[in-house]
Amino acid sequence: MTWTAPQITRTDEPYAADERALLEGYLDRHRATLLHKCAGLTGQQLAEAGSPPSALTLLGLVRHMADVERTWFRRRVRGEAVASLYAHPDGRPGAAFDLADPAAAEADLATLLAEQQACRAAVAAASLDDTFVHERIQQTMTLRWVYLHMIEEYARHNGHADLIREALDGATGE
């Protein structure tokens, strides 16, 4: 039996709520949308580039977003000493995409789900006004900024996922 990515139930973000609930709701909607774009596809399909000449794949996007979640919420905001999930031995960027293996697709989706949950837990008690200094650009940032950045990051990549999915099997829609 061939594994296929499971169906995802997406919920709408709240339409009237406080700022934190709105940010969390929008981010969770985008998180679920990426998984929705993967639903029903095999590991091989998830690892297939759907929009040449781009080498972007749904599996690469899943892996990339797991690392992005970890980097922003756990490493930067909370200061946890967690390593990247996917890295080239020589340190060059792009391992989430370059090293994606169709045989590991089920584990990679599980990793994304686990990382999303770990990130929710990491910032659950934090204030949107909590700050940290970004290690590379040496700027002070807030958790509020991270939520907005993550919504933008998922939204951009969900647009990529739309195109890849349509090219793979013709599926369209939000």
C-alpha atoms as a PDB file:
ATOM      1  CA  MET A   1       0.000   0.000   0.000  1.00  0.00           C
ATOM      2  CA  THR A   2       1.331   3.434  -0.928  1.00  0.00           C
ATOM      3  CA  TRP A   3       1.232   6.181   1.675  1.00  0.00           C
ATOM      4  CA  THR A   4      -0.662   9.347   0.771  1.00  0.00           C
ATOM      5  CA  ALA A   5      -0.767  12.608   2.674  1.00  0.00           C
ATOM      6  CA  PRO A   6      -3.880  12.729   4.868  1.00  0.00           C
ATOM      7  CA  GLN A   7      -6.840  15.010   4.353  1.00  0.00           C
ATOM      8  CA  ILE A   8      -6.798  18.128   6.502  1.00  0.00           C
ATOM      9  CA  THR A   9      -9.746  19.877   8.086  1.00  0.00           C
ATOM     10  CA  ARG A  10      -9.176  23.596   7.908  1.00  0.00           C
ATOM     11  CA  THR A  11     -11.032  26.037  10.100  1.00  0.00           C
ATOM     12  CA  ASP A  12     -11.571  29.701   9.395  1.00  0.00           C
ATOM     13  CA  GLU A  13      -9.662  32.290  11.333  1.00  0.00           C
ATOM     14  CA  PRO A  14     -11.771  34.265  13.798  1.00  0.00           C
ATOM     15  CA  TYR A  15     -13.587  37.222  12.287  1.00  0.00           C
ATOM     16  CA  ALA A  16     -13.891  39.194  15.517  1.00  0.00           C
ATOM     17  CA  ALA A  17     -11.293  38.632  18.213  1.00  0.00           C
ATOM     18  CA  ASP A  18      -8.392  40.228  20.014  1.00  0.00           C
ATOM     19  CA  GLU A  19      -5.092  40.721  18.222  1.00  0.00           C
ATOM     20  CA  ARG A  20      -3.449  37.540  19.512  1.00  0.00           C
ATOM     21  CA  ALA A  21      -6.370  35.325  18.507  1.00  0.00           C
ATOM     22  CA  LEU A  22      -6.458  36.915  15.041  1.00  0.00           C
ATOM     23  CA  LEU A  23      -2.724  36.401  14.494  1.00  0.00           C
ATOM     24  CA  GLU A  24      -2.850  32.812  15.727  1.00  0.00           C
ATOM     25  CA  GLY A  25      -5.990  32.127  13.681  1.00  0.00           C
ATOM     26  CA  TYR A  26      -4.529  33.464  10.445  1.00  0.00           C
ATOM     27  CA  LEU A  27      -1.274  31.580  10.990  1.00  0.00           C
ATOM     28  CA  ASP A  28      -3.105  28.336  11.756  1.00  0.00           C
ATOM     29  CA  ARG A  29      -5.251  28.762   8.638  1.00  0.00           C
ATOM     30  CA  HIS A  30      -2.111  29.147   6.517  1.00  0.00           C
ATOM     31  CA  ARG A  31      -0.423  26.214   8.252  1.00  0.00           C
ATOM     32  CA  ALA A  32      -3.410  24.024   7.425  1.00  0.00           C
ATOM     33  CA  THR A  33      -3.571  25.316   3.845  1.00  0.00           C
ATOM     34  CA  LEU A  34      -0.069  24.037   3.081  1.00  0.00           C
ATOM     35  CA  LEU A  35      -1.043  20.616   4.424  1.00  0.00           C
ATOM     36  CA  HIS A  36      -4.307  20.787   2.465  1.00  0.00           C
ATOM     37  CA  LYS A  37      -2.298  21.298  -0.741  1.00  0.00           C
ATOM     38  CA  CYS A  38      -0.418  18.070   0.045  1.00  0.00           C
ATOM     39  CA  ALA A  39      -3.488  15.977   0.919  1.00  0.00           C
ATOM     40  CA  GLY A  40      -4.086  12.913  -1.198  1.00  0.00           C
ATOM     41  CA  LEU A  41      -0.659  12.921  -2.837  1.00  0.00           C
ATOM     42  CA  THR A  42       1.973  10.212  -2.549  1.00  0.00           C
ATOM     43  CA  GLY A  43       5.515  10.848  -1.369  1.00  0.00           C
ATOM     44  CA  GLN A  44       6.660  10.660  -4.971  1.00  0.00           C
ATOM     45  CA  GLN A  45       4.140  13.295  -6.047  1.00  0.00           C
ATOM     46  CA  LEU A  46       5.061  15.547  -3.121  1.00  0.00           C
ATOM     47  CA  ALA A  47       8.701  15.396  -4.223  1.00  0.00           C
ATOM     48  CA  GLU A  48       7.915  16.197  -7.865  1.00  0.00           C
ATOM     49  CA  ALA A  49       8.618  19.682  -9.182  1.00  0.00           C
ATOM     50  CA  GLY A  50       5.358  20.895 -10.645  1.00  0.00           C
ATOM     51  CA  SER A  51       6.389  24.167 -12.210  1.00  0.00           C
ATOM     52  CA  PRO A  52       9.612  23.875 -14.226  1.00  0.00           C
ATOM     53  CA  PRO A  53      12.109  25.382 -14.472  1.00  0.00           C
ATOM     54  CA  SER A  54      11.603  25.849 -10.734  1.00  0.00           C
ATOM     55  CA  ALA A  55      12.727  22.906  -8.630  1.00  0.00           C
ATOM     56  CA  LEU A  56      10.253  23.787  -5.850  1.00  0.00           C
ATOM     57  CA  THR A  57       8.274  20.821  -4.557  1.00  0.00           C
ATOM     58  CA  LEU A  58       5.494  20.475  -2.025  1.00  0.00           C
ATOM     59  CA  LEU A  59       7.731  18.225   0.068  1.00  0.00           C
ATOM     60  CA  GLY A  60      10.489  20.822  -0.025  1.00  0.00           C
ATOM     61  CA  LEU A  61       8.015  23.479   1.127  1.00  0.00           C
ATOM     62  CA  VAL A  62       6.853  21.244   3.998  1.00  0.00           C
ATOM     63  CA  ARG A  63      10.445  20.692   5.114  1.00  0.00           C
ATOM     64  CA  HIS A  64      11.342  24.369   4.692  1.00  0.00           C
ATOM     65  CA  MET A  65       8.383  25.530   6.765  1.00  0.00           C
ATOM     66  CA  ALA A  66       9.237  23.103   9.576  1.00  0.00           C
ATOM     67  CA  ASP A  67      12.683  24.697   9.758  1.00  0.00           C
ATOM     68  CA  VAL A  68      11.287  28.232   9.479  1.00  0.00           C
ATOM     69  CA  GLU A  69       8.835  27.598  12.327  1.00  0.00           C
ATOM     70  CA  ARG A  70      11.629  26.200  14.491  1.00  0.00           C
ATOM     71  CA  THR A  71      14.011  29.030  13.680  1.00  0.00           C
ATOM     72  CA  TRP A  72      11.656  31.906  14.413  1.00  0.00           C
ATOM     73  CA  PHE A  73       9.546  30.691  17.315  1.00  0.00           C
ATOM     74  CA  ARG A  74      11.830  28.346  19.169  1.00  0.00           C
ATOM     75  CA  ARG A  75      15.379  29.484  18.421  1.00  0.00           C
ATOM     76  CA  ARG A  76      14.910  33.236  18.050  1.00  0.00           C
ATOM     77  CA  VAL A  77      11.882  34.119  20.198  1.00  0.00           C
ATOM     78  CA  ARG A  78      12.367  31.547  22.976  1.00  0.00           C
ATOM     79  CA  GLY A  79      16.153  31.205  22.745  1.00  0.00           C
ATOM     80  CA  GLU A  80      16.073  27.405  22.587  1.00  0.00           C
ATOM     81  CA  ALA A  81      19.292  25.755  21.453  1.00  0.00           C
ATOM     82  CA  VAL A  82      17.712  23.713  18.660  1.00  0.00           C
ATOM     83  CA  ALA A  83      19.551  22.858  15.475  1.00  0.00           C
ATOM     84  CA  SER A  84      18.138  23.155  11.982  1.00  0.00           C
ATOM     85  CA  LEU A  85      16.121  20.146  10.946  1.00  0.00           C
ATOM     86  CA  TYR A  86      17.656  19.974   7.472  1.00  0.00           C
ATOM     87  CA  ALA A  87      21.210  21.014   6.654  1.00  0.00           C
ATOM     88  CA  HIS A  88      23.832  20.358   4.026  1.00  0.00           C
ATOM     89  CA  PRO A  89      27.063  19.006   5.533  1.00  0.00           C
ATOM     90  CA  ASP A  90      28.964  21.956   4.021  1.00  0.00           C
ATOM     91  CA  GLY A  91      26.559  24.514   5.501  1.00  0.00           C
ATOM     92  CA  ARG A  92      25.173  25.884   2.236  1.00  0.00           C
ATOM     93  CA  PRO A  93      21.457  26.758   2.239  1.00  0.00           C
ATOM     94  CA  GLY A  94      18.629  24.845   0.589  1.00  0.00           C
ATOM     95  CA  ALA A  95      18.859  21.421   2.244  1.00  0.00           C
ATOM     96  CA  ALA A  96      15.110  21.339   2.957  1.00  0.00           C
ATOM     97  CA  PHE A  97      14.563  21.352  -0.800  1.00  0.00           C
ATOM     98  CA  ASP A  98      17.703  19.666  -2.124  1.00  0.00           C
ATOM     99  CA  LEU A  99      17.659  16.650   0.186  1.00  0.00           C
ATOM    100  CA  ALA A 100      13.906  15.923   0.147  1.00  0.00           C
ATOM    101  CA  ASP A 101      13.324  12.185  -0.180  1.00  0.00           C
ATOM    102  CA  PRO A 102       9.921  10.852  -1.312  1.00  0.00           C
ATOM    103  CA  ALA A 103      10.396   7.825   0.956  1.00  0.00           C
ATOM    104  CA  ALA A 104      10.554  10.162   3.973  1.00  0.00           C
ATOM    105  CA  ALA A 105       7.478  12.231   3.058  1.00  0.00           C
ATOM    106  CA  GLU A 106       5.280  10.773   5.799  1.00  0.00           C
ATOM    107  CA  ALA A 107       7.956  11.500   8.412  1.00  0.00           C
ATOM    108  CA  ASP A 108       8.509  14.999   7.018  1.00  0.00           C
ATOM    109  CA  LEU A 109       4.804  15.856   7.274  1.00  0.00           C
ATOM    110  CA  ALA A 110       4.781  14.498  10.832  1.00  0.00           C
ATOM    111  CA  THR A 111       7.830  16.639  11.603  1.00  0.00           C
ATOM    112  CA  LEU A 112       6.056  19.763  10.352  1.00  0.00           C
ATOM    113  CA  LEU A 113       2.983  19.007  12.471  1.00  0.00           C
ATOM    114  CA  ALA A 114       5.146  18.337  15.541  1.00  0.00           C
ATOM    115  CA  GLU A 115       7.143  21.517  14.980  1.00  0.00           C
ATOM    116  CA  GLN A 116       3.981  23.580  14.601  1.00  0.00           C
ATOM    117  CA  GLN A 117       2.739  22.210  17.917  1.00  0.00           C
ATOM    118  CA  ALA A 118       6.094  22.781  19.628  1.00  0.00           C
ATOM    119  CA  CYS A 119       6.107  26.363  18.348  1.00  0.00           C
ATOM    120  CA  ARG A 120       2.574  27.015  19.596  1.00  0.00           C
ATOM    121  CA  ALA A 121       3.619  25.732  23.015  1.00  0.00           C
ATOM    122  CA  ALA A 122       6.877  27.705  22.997  1.00  0.00           C
ATOM    123  CA  VAL A 123       5.127  31.059  22.687  1.00  0.00           C
ATOM    124  CA  ALA A 124       1.783  30.304  24.369  1.00  0.00           C
ATOM    125  CA  ALA A 125       2.631  32.294  27.491  1.00  0.00           C
ATOM    126  CA  ALA A 126       4.667  34.982  25.722  1.00  0.00           C
ATOM    127  CA  SER A 127       3.449  38.511  25.128  1.00  0.00           C
ATOM    128  CA  LEU A 128       3.215  39.871  21.592  1.00  0.00           C
ATOM    129  CA  ASP A 129       5.458  42.655  22.901  1.00  0.00           C
ATOM    130  CA  ASP A 130       8.241  40.271  24.008  1.00  0.00           C
ATOM    131  CA  THR A 131      11.461  41.092  22.187  1.00  0.00           C
ATOM    132  CA  PHE A 132      14.638  39.386  21.034  1.00  0.00           C
ATOM    133  CA  VAL A 133      17.627  40.494  19.001  1.00  0.00           C
ATOM    134  CA  HIS A 134      17.983  38.836  15.613  1.00  0.00           C
ATOM    135  CA  GLU A 135      21.446  37.302  15.593  1.00  0.00           C
ATOM    136  CA  ARG A 136      22.298  38.131  11.978  1.00  0.00           C
ATOM    137  CA  ILE A 137      20.882  41.618  11.464  1.00  0.00           C
ATOM    138  CA  GLN A 138      21.263  42.794  15.075  1.00  0.00           C
ATOM    139  CA  GLN A 139      17.775  44.290  15.242  1.00  0.00           C
ATOM    140  CA  THR A 140      15.289  44.064  18.088  1.00  0.00           C
ATOM    141  CA  MET A 141      12.085  42.322  17.028  1.00  0.00           C
ATOM    142  CA  THR A 142       8.830  41.440  18.742  1.00  0.00           C
ATOM    143  CA  LEU A 143       6.793  38.257  18.806  1.00  0.00           C
ATOM    144  CA  ARG A 144       4.076  40.285  17.040  1.00  0.00           C
ATOM    145  CA  TRP A 145       6.491  40.845  14.125  1.00  0.00           C
ATOM    146  CA  VAL A 146       7.251  37.108  14.012  1.00  0.00           C
ATOM    147  CA  TYR A 147       3.560  36.233  13.736  1.00  0.00           C
ATOM    148  CA  LEU A 148       3.140  38.695  10.872  1.00  0.00           C
ATOM    149  CA  HIS A 149       6.284  37.396   9.183  1.00  0.00           C
ATOM    150  CA  MET A 150       5.137  33.778   9.500  1.00  0.00           C
ATOM    151  CA  ILE A 151       1.724  34.613   8.027  1.00  0.00           C
ATOM    152  CA  GLU A 152       3.508  36.255   5.093  1.00  0.00           C
ATOM    153  CA  GLU A 153       5.943  33.336   4.735  1.00  0.00           C
ATOM    154  CA  TYR A 154       3.160  30.752   4.611  1.00  0.00           C
ATOM    155  CA  ALA A 155       1.011  32.904   2.315  1.00  0.00           C
ATOM    156  CA  ARG A 156       3.864  33.264  -0.193  1.00  0.00           C
ATOM    157  CA  HIS A 157       4.672  29.569  -0.126  1.00  0.00           C
ATOM    158  CA  ASN A 158       0.998  28.605  -0.283  1.00  0.00           C
ATOM    159  CA  GLY A 159       0.883  30.509  -3.573  1.00  0.00           C
ATOM    160  CA  HIS A 160       3.775  28.355  -4.753  1.00  0.00           C
ATOM    161  CA  ALA A 161       1.929  25.279  -3.486  1.00  0.00           C
ATOM    162  CA  ASP A 162      -1.177  26.271  -5.492  1.00  0.00           C
ATOM    163  CA  LEU A 163       0.814  26.282  -8.720  1.00  0.00           C
ATOM    164  CA  ILE A 164       2.695  23.083  -7.938  1.00  0.00           C
ATOM    165  CA  ARG A 165      -0.477  21.197  -6.996  1.00  0.00           C
ATOM    166  CA  GLU A 166      -2.345  22.332 -10.105  1.00  0.00           C
ATOM    167  CA  ALA A 167       0.537  21.210 -12.294  1.00  0.00           C
ATOM    168  CA  LEU A 168       0.702  17.826 -10.567  1.00  0.00           C
ATOM    169  CA  ASP A 169      -2.934  16.761 -10.795  1.00  0.00           C
ATOM    170  CA  GLY A 170      -5.073  19.709 -11.837  1.00  0.00           C
ATOM    171  CA  ALA A 171      -6.413  20.371  -8.331  1.00  0.00           C
ATOM    172  CA  THR A 172      -7.201  24.039  -7.767  1.00  0.00           C
ATOM    173  CA  GLY A 173      -8.774  26.130  -5.056  1.00  0.00           C
ATOM    174  CA  GLU A 174      -7.821  27.633  -1.766  1.00  0.00           C
END
